[in-house]
N, C-alpha and C. Protein backbone atom coordinates (compact mmCIF):
# COMPACT_ATOMS: atom_id res chain seq x y z
N UNK A 1 -39.32 34.42 -21.69
CA UNK A 1 -39.36 33.51 -22.85
C UNK A 1 -40.70 33.65 -23.56
N UNK A 2 -40.77 34.52 -24.57
CA UNK A 2 -42.00 34.73 -25.28
C UNK A 2 -41.89 34.04 -26.68
N UNK A 3 -42.99 33.42 -27.07
CA UNK A 3 -42.93 32.70 -28.35
C UNK A 3 -43.29 33.63 -29.50
N UNK A 4 -44.06 34.70 -29.26
CA UNK A 4 -44.48 35.61 -30.35
C UNK A 4 -45.15 34.83 -31.47
N UNK A 5 -45.90 33.79 -31.12
CA UNK A 5 -46.60 33.00 -32.11
C UNK A 5 -47.73 33.82 -32.70
N UNK A 6 -47.74 33.96 -34.01
CA UNK A 6 -48.82 34.69 -34.66
C UNK A 6 -49.51 33.75 -35.67
N UNK A 7 -50.76 33.99 -35.87
CA UNK A 7 -51.55 33.19 -36.77
C UNK A 7 -51.93 34.01 -38.00
N UNK A 8 -51.92 33.39 -39.13
CA UNK A 8 -52.30 34.03 -40.40
C UNK A 8 -53.64 33.49 -40.82
N UNK A 9 -54.25 34.12 -41.83
CA UNK A 9 -55.48 33.60 -42.40
C UNK A 9 -55.30 32.19 -42.93
N UNK A 10 -54.11 31.92 -43.49
CA UNK A 10 -53.81 30.56 -44.02
C UNK A 10 -53.84 29.55 -42.86
N UNK A 11 -53.27 29.91 -41.71
CA UNK A 11 -53.30 29.03 -40.55
C UNK A 11 -54.73 28.73 -40.16
N UNK A 12 -55.58 29.77 -40.13
CA UNK A 12 -56.98 29.58 -39.76
C UNK A 12 -57.66 28.69 -40.81
N UNK A 13 -57.36 28.89 -42.11
CA UNK A 13 -57.94 28.03 -43.14
C UNK A 13 -57.59 26.56 -42.89
N UNK A 14 -56.36 26.32 -42.56
CA UNK A 14 -55.88 24.95 -42.31
C UNK A 14 -56.61 24.37 -41.11
N UNK A 15 -56.73 25.12 -40.04
CA UNK A 15 -57.44 24.64 -38.84
C UNK A 15 -58.90 24.39 -39.19
N UNK A 16 -59.52 25.29 -39.94
CA UNK A 16 -60.92 25.13 -40.31
C UNK A 16 -61.15 23.88 -41.14
N UNK A 17 -60.22 23.58 -42.01
CA UNK A 17 -60.32 22.34 -42.82
C UNK A 17 -60.23 21.12 -41.92
N UNK A 18 -59.27 21.14 -41.00
CA UNK A 18 -59.13 20.02 -40.08
C UNK A 18 -60.38 19.81 -39.22
N UNK A 19 -61.00 20.93 -38.82
CA UNK A 19 -62.18 20.85 -37.99
C UNK A 19 -63.47 20.75 -38.80
N UNK A 20 -63.35 20.78 -40.12
CA UNK A 20 -64.51 20.71 -41.01
C UNK A 20 -65.52 21.79 -40.70
N UNK A 21 -65.03 23.05 -40.52
CA UNK A 21 -65.86 24.19 -40.21
C UNK A 21 -65.70 25.22 -41.32
N UNK A 22 -66.78 25.60 -41.94
CA UNK A 22 -66.69 26.63 -42.97
C UNK A 22 -66.41 28.00 -42.34
N UNK A 23 -65.45 28.75 -42.91
CA UNK A 23 -65.06 30.03 -42.37
C UNK A 23 -64.91 31.02 -43.52
N UNK A 24 -65.56 32.18 -43.39
CA UNK A 24 -65.45 33.22 -44.41
C UNK A 24 -64.11 33.91 -44.31
N UNK A 25 -63.79 34.71 -45.36
CA UNK A 25 -62.50 35.44 -45.36
C UNK A 25 -62.44 36.44 -44.18
N UNK A 26 -63.55 37.10 -43.91
CA UNK A 26 -63.57 38.06 -42.79
C UNK A 26 -63.39 37.31 -41.47
N UNK A 27 -64.02 36.16 -41.33
CA UNK A 27 -63.85 35.36 -40.10
C UNK A 27 -62.42 34.89 -39.94
N UNK A 28 -61.77 34.54 -41.05
CA UNK A 28 -60.38 34.09 -41.01
C UNK A 28 -59.49 35.18 -40.39
N UNK A 29 -59.72 36.44 -40.84
CA UNK A 29 -58.92 37.53 -40.33
C UNK A 29 -59.17 37.74 -38.85
N UNK A 30 -60.48 37.72 -38.46
CA UNK A 30 -60.82 37.94 -37.05
C UNK A 30 -60.25 36.80 -36.19
N UNK A 31 -60.39 35.57 -36.64
CA UNK A 31 -59.89 34.45 -35.88
C UNK A 31 -58.36 34.46 -35.77
N UNK A 32 -57.69 34.85 -36.81
CA UNK A 32 -56.24 34.91 -36.80
C UNK A 32 -55.78 35.94 -35.74
N UNK A 33 -56.45 37.08 -35.72
CA UNK A 33 -56.13 38.08 -34.68
C UNK A 33 -56.44 37.57 -33.28
N UNK A 34 -57.59 36.89 -33.16
CA UNK A 34 -57.98 36.36 -31.85
C UNK A 34 -57.01 35.29 -31.35
N UNK A 35 -56.61 34.39 -32.24
CA UNK A 35 -55.66 33.34 -31.88
C UNK A 35 -54.33 33.94 -31.43
N UNK A 36 -53.89 34.94 -32.18
CA UNK A 36 -52.61 35.61 -31.87
C UNK A 36 -52.70 36.28 -30.50
N UNK A 37 -53.80 36.97 -30.21
CA UNK A 37 -54.00 37.62 -28.91
C UNK A 37 -53.99 36.58 -27.80
N UNK A 38 -54.68 35.44 -28.04
CA UNK A 38 -54.70 34.36 -27.05
C UNK A 38 -53.32 33.87 -26.75
N UNK A 39 -52.50 33.68 -27.75
CA UNK A 39 -51.14 33.20 -27.55
C UNK A 39 -50.29 34.21 -26.80
N UNK A 40 -50.53 35.50 -27.01
CA UNK A 40 -49.81 36.50 -26.24
C UNK A 40 -50.15 36.42 -24.77
N UNK A 41 -51.44 36.16 -24.45
CA UNK A 41 -51.88 35.99 -23.07
C UNK A 41 -51.23 34.76 -22.49
N UNK A 42 -51.17 33.69 -23.26
CA UNK A 42 -50.54 32.45 -22.77
C UNK A 42 -49.07 32.71 -22.45
N UNK A 43 -48.37 33.50 -23.28
CA UNK A 43 -46.99 33.87 -23.01
C UNK A 43 -46.85 34.61 -21.68
N UNK A 44 -47.76 35.53 -21.42
CA UNK A 44 -47.76 36.24 -20.14
C UNK A 44 -47.95 35.29 -18.98
N UNK A 45 -48.89 34.37 -19.14
CA UNK A 45 -49.18 33.41 -18.05
C UNK A 45 -48.00 32.49 -17.80
N UNK A 46 -47.25 32.16 -18.86
CA UNK A 46 -46.09 31.28 -18.69
C UNK A 46 -45.06 31.93 -17.75
N UNK A 47 -45.01 33.25 -17.71
CA UNK A 47 -44.02 33.97 -16.91
C UNK A 47 -44.54 34.26 -15.49
N UNK A 48 -45.76 33.87 -15.18
CA UNK A 48 -46.28 34.13 -13.83
C UNK A 48 -45.48 33.33 -12.79
N UNK A 49 -45.12 33.98 -11.71
CA UNK A 49 -44.37 33.31 -10.64
C UNK A 49 -45.32 32.49 -9.78
N UNK A 50 -45.16 31.17 -9.83
CA UNK A 50 -46.06 30.29 -9.07
C UNK A 50 -45.30 29.39 -8.13
N UNK A 51 -44.04 29.72 -7.86
CA UNK A 51 -43.21 28.87 -6.99
C UNK A 51 -43.82 28.68 -5.61
N UNK A 52 -44.34 29.69 -5.01
CA UNK A 52 -44.89 29.62 -3.66
C UNK A 52 -46.39 29.47 -3.59
N UNK A 53 -47.01 29.05 -4.67
CA UNK A 53 -48.44 28.89 -4.70
C UNK A 53 -48.78 27.43 -4.54
N UNK A 54 -49.68 27.14 -3.60
CA UNK A 54 -50.11 25.77 -3.39
C UNK A 54 -51.07 25.36 -4.47
N UNK A 55 -50.83 24.24 -5.15
CA UNK A 55 -51.74 23.78 -6.23
C UNK A 55 -53.15 23.57 -5.66
N UNK A 56 -54.14 23.98 -6.45
CA UNK A 56 -55.53 23.84 -6.06
C UNK A 56 -56.26 23.12 -7.16
N UNK A 57 -57.04 22.09 -6.79
CA UNK A 57 -57.85 21.41 -7.80
C UNK A 57 -59.30 21.88 -7.80
N UNK A 58 -59.72 22.51 -6.73
CA UNK A 58 -61.04 23.13 -6.69
C UNK A 58 -61.10 24.09 -5.53
N UNK A 59 -62.01 25.04 -5.58
CA UNK A 59 -61.99 26.13 -4.62
C UNK A 59 -63.27 26.26 -3.77
N UNK A 60 -64.25 25.40 -4.02
CA UNK A 60 -65.53 25.59 -3.30
C UNK A 60 -65.59 24.84 -1.99
N UNK A 61 -64.73 23.86 -1.81
CA UNK A 61 -64.82 23.06 -0.58
C UNK A 61 -65.83 21.90 -0.68
N UNK A 62 -66.58 21.87 -1.79
CA UNK A 62 -67.57 20.81 -1.96
C UNK A 62 -66.86 19.53 -2.36
N UNK A 63 -67.48 18.40 -1.99
CA UNK A 63 -66.95 17.12 -2.35
C UNK A 63 -67.95 16.37 -3.23
N UNK A 64 -67.43 15.55 -4.13
CA UNK A 64 -68.31 14.77 -4.96
C UNK A 64 -69.04 13.75 -4.10
N UNK A 65 -70.29 13.55 -4.40
CA UNK A 65 -71.07 12.51 -3.74
C UNK A 65 -71.24 11.41 -4.75
N UNK A 66 -70.67 10.26 -4.47
CA UNK A 66 -70.71 9.19 -5.40
C UNK A 66 -71.40 7.98 -4.78
N UNK A 67 -71.88 7.14 -5.62
CA UNK A 67 -72.47 5.90 -5.13
C UNK A 67 -71.58 4.73 -5.56
N UNK A 68 -71.73 3.65 -4.90
CA UNK A 68 -70.94 2.46 -5.24
C UNK A 68 -71.42 1.94 -6.61
N UNK A 69 -70.51 1.51 -7.43
CA UNK A 69 -70.84 1.01 -8.77
C UNK A 69 -71.32 -0.45 -8.65
N UNK A 70 -72.63 -0.58 -8.50
CA UNK A 70 -73.22 -1.92 -8.34
C UNK A 70 -74.17 -2.20 -9.48
N UNK A 71 -74.07 -3.36 -10.06
CA UNK A 71 -74.97 -3.73 -11.17
C UNK A 71 -76.30 -4.17 -10.57
N UNK A 72 -77.39 -3.55 -11.06
CA UNK A 72 -78.73 -3.87 -10.63
C UNK A 72 -79.28 -4.86 -11.65
N UNK A 73 -79.09 -6.16 -11.38
CA UNK A 73 -79.49 -7.17 -12.34
C UNK A 73 -80.98 -7.23 -12.60
N UNK A 74 -81.79 -6.73 -11.67
CA UNK A 74 -83.23 -6.70 -11.84
C UNK A 74 -83.62 -5.74 -12.98
N UNK A 75 -82.79 -4.70 -13.23
CA UNK A 75 -83.09 -3.72 -14.26
C UNK A 75 -82.29 -3.97 -15.55
N UNK A 76 -81.49 -5.00 -15.55
CA UNK A 76 -80.58 -5.28 -16.66
C UNK A 76 -81.31 -6.11 -17.75
N UNK A 77 -81.04 -5.76 -19.01
CA UNK A 77 -81.62 -6.52 -20.13
C UNK A 77 -80.62 -7.57 -20.56
N UNK A 78 -81.11 -8.72 -21.00
CA UNK A 78 -80.23 -9.68 -21.62
C UNK A 78 -79.88 -9.18 -23.01
N UNK A 79 -78.90 -9.76 -23.63
CA UNK A 79 -78.50 -9.33 -24.97
C UNK A 79 -79.67 -9.53 -25.94
N UNK A 80 -80.35 -10.65 -25.83
CA UNK A 80 -81.51 -10.90 -26.71
C UNK A 80 -82.61 -9.85 -26.50
N UNK A 81 -82.87 -9.51 -25.25
CA UNK A 81 -83.90 -8.49 -24.94
C UNK A 81 -83.48 -7.11 -25.49
N UNK A 82 -82.23 -6.76 -25.38
CA UNK A 82 -81.74 -5.49 -25.87
C UNK A 82 -81.85 -5.38 -27.38
N UNK A 83 -81.63 -6.49 -28.05
CA UNK A 83 -81.63 -6.48 -29.50
C UNK A 83 -82.99 -6.81 -30.13
N UNK A 84 -83.96 -7.12 -29.31
CA UNK A 84 -85.26 -7.62 -29.76
C UNK A 84 -85.90 -6.73 -30.83
N UNK A 85 -85.91 -5.43 -30.66
CA UNK A 85 -86.56 -4.54 -31.59
C UNK A 85 -85.63 -3.84 -32.58
N UNK A 86 -84.37 -4.26 -32.61
CA UNK A 86 -83.41 -3.66 -33.53
C UNK A 86 -83.78 -4.00 -34.95
N UNK A 87 -83.63 -3.04 -35.87
CA UNK A 87 -83.93 -3.29 -37.27
C UNK A 87 -82.92 -4.26 -37.86
N UNK A 88 -81.64 -4.09 -37.51
CA UNK A 88 -80.61 -4.97 -38.04
C UNK A 88 -79.64 -5.35 -36.94
N UNK A 89 -79.23 -6.60 -36.92
CA UNK A 89 -78.23 -7.07 -35.96
C UNK A 89 -77.25 -8.00 -36.71
N UNK A 90 -76.09 -8.19 -36.10
CA UNK A 90 -75.11 -9.09 -36.65
C UNK A 90 -74.32 -9.65 -35.47
N UNK A 91 -74.39 -10.97 -35.28
CA UNK A 91 -73.65 -11.67 -34.26
C UNK A 91 -73.80 -11.01 -32.88
N UNK A 92 -75.00 -10.63 -32.55
CA UNK A 92 -75.28 -10.07 -31.22
C UNK A 92 -75.03 -8.58 -31.04
N UNK A 93 -74.83 -7.87 -32.14
CA UNK A 93 -74.58 -6.41 -32.11
C UNK A 93 -75.60 -5.67 -32.95
N UNK A 94 -75.85 -4.42 -32.63
CA UNK A 94 -76.66 -3.54 -33.46
C UNK A 94 -75.86 -3.23 -34.73
N UNK A 95 -76.57 -3.14 -35.84
CA UNK A 95 -75.95 -2.71 -37.10
C UNK A 95 -76.57 -1.39 -37.49
N UNK A 96 -75.72 -0.41 -37.73
CA UNK A 96 -76.19 0.94 -38.13
C UNK A 96 -75.42 1.40 -39.34
N UNK A 97 -75.99 2.36 -40.09
CA UNK A 97 -75.30 2.88 -41.25
C UNK A 97 -74.07 3.66 -40.83
N UNK A 98 -73.05 3.63 -41.66
CA UNK A 98 -71.83 4.39 -41.38
C UNK A 98 -72.17 5.88 -41.42
N UNK A 99 -71.63 6.63 -40.46
CA UNK A 99 -71.94 8.07 -40.39
C UNK A 99 -70.73 8.92 -40.75
N UNK A 100 -69.60 8.35 -41.05
CA UNK A 100 -68.41 9.10 -41.45
C UNK A 100 -68.30 9.17 -42.95
N UNK A 101 -68.04 10.39 -43.46
CA UNK A 101 -67.90 10.52 -44.93
C UNK A 101 -66.46 10.17 -45.35
N UNK A 102 -65.48 10.51 -44.45
CA UNK A 102 -64.10 10.26 -44.84
C UNK A 102 -63.47 9.37 -43.82
């Protein structure tokens, strides 16, 4: 079951607009070829026989070392202390300029 999904320069343009990334015409061609190649590899991987393969979530044998999630109240700031040097606040929150254009 192969999808034969191919990407065109127009597809790359659309993706670039969505990601807000400027892309030249030459880059569009290269990326379209690269995306198409990647999808061909994905098609090959879809056909890999994995029925008798045991799922693996990691291969090193290492285990995460975690600590208990305990609040250290001695190091905790009150809301007033946290906001003390803020330039602008509103009802107990920091106020910052909007950073999104759209």
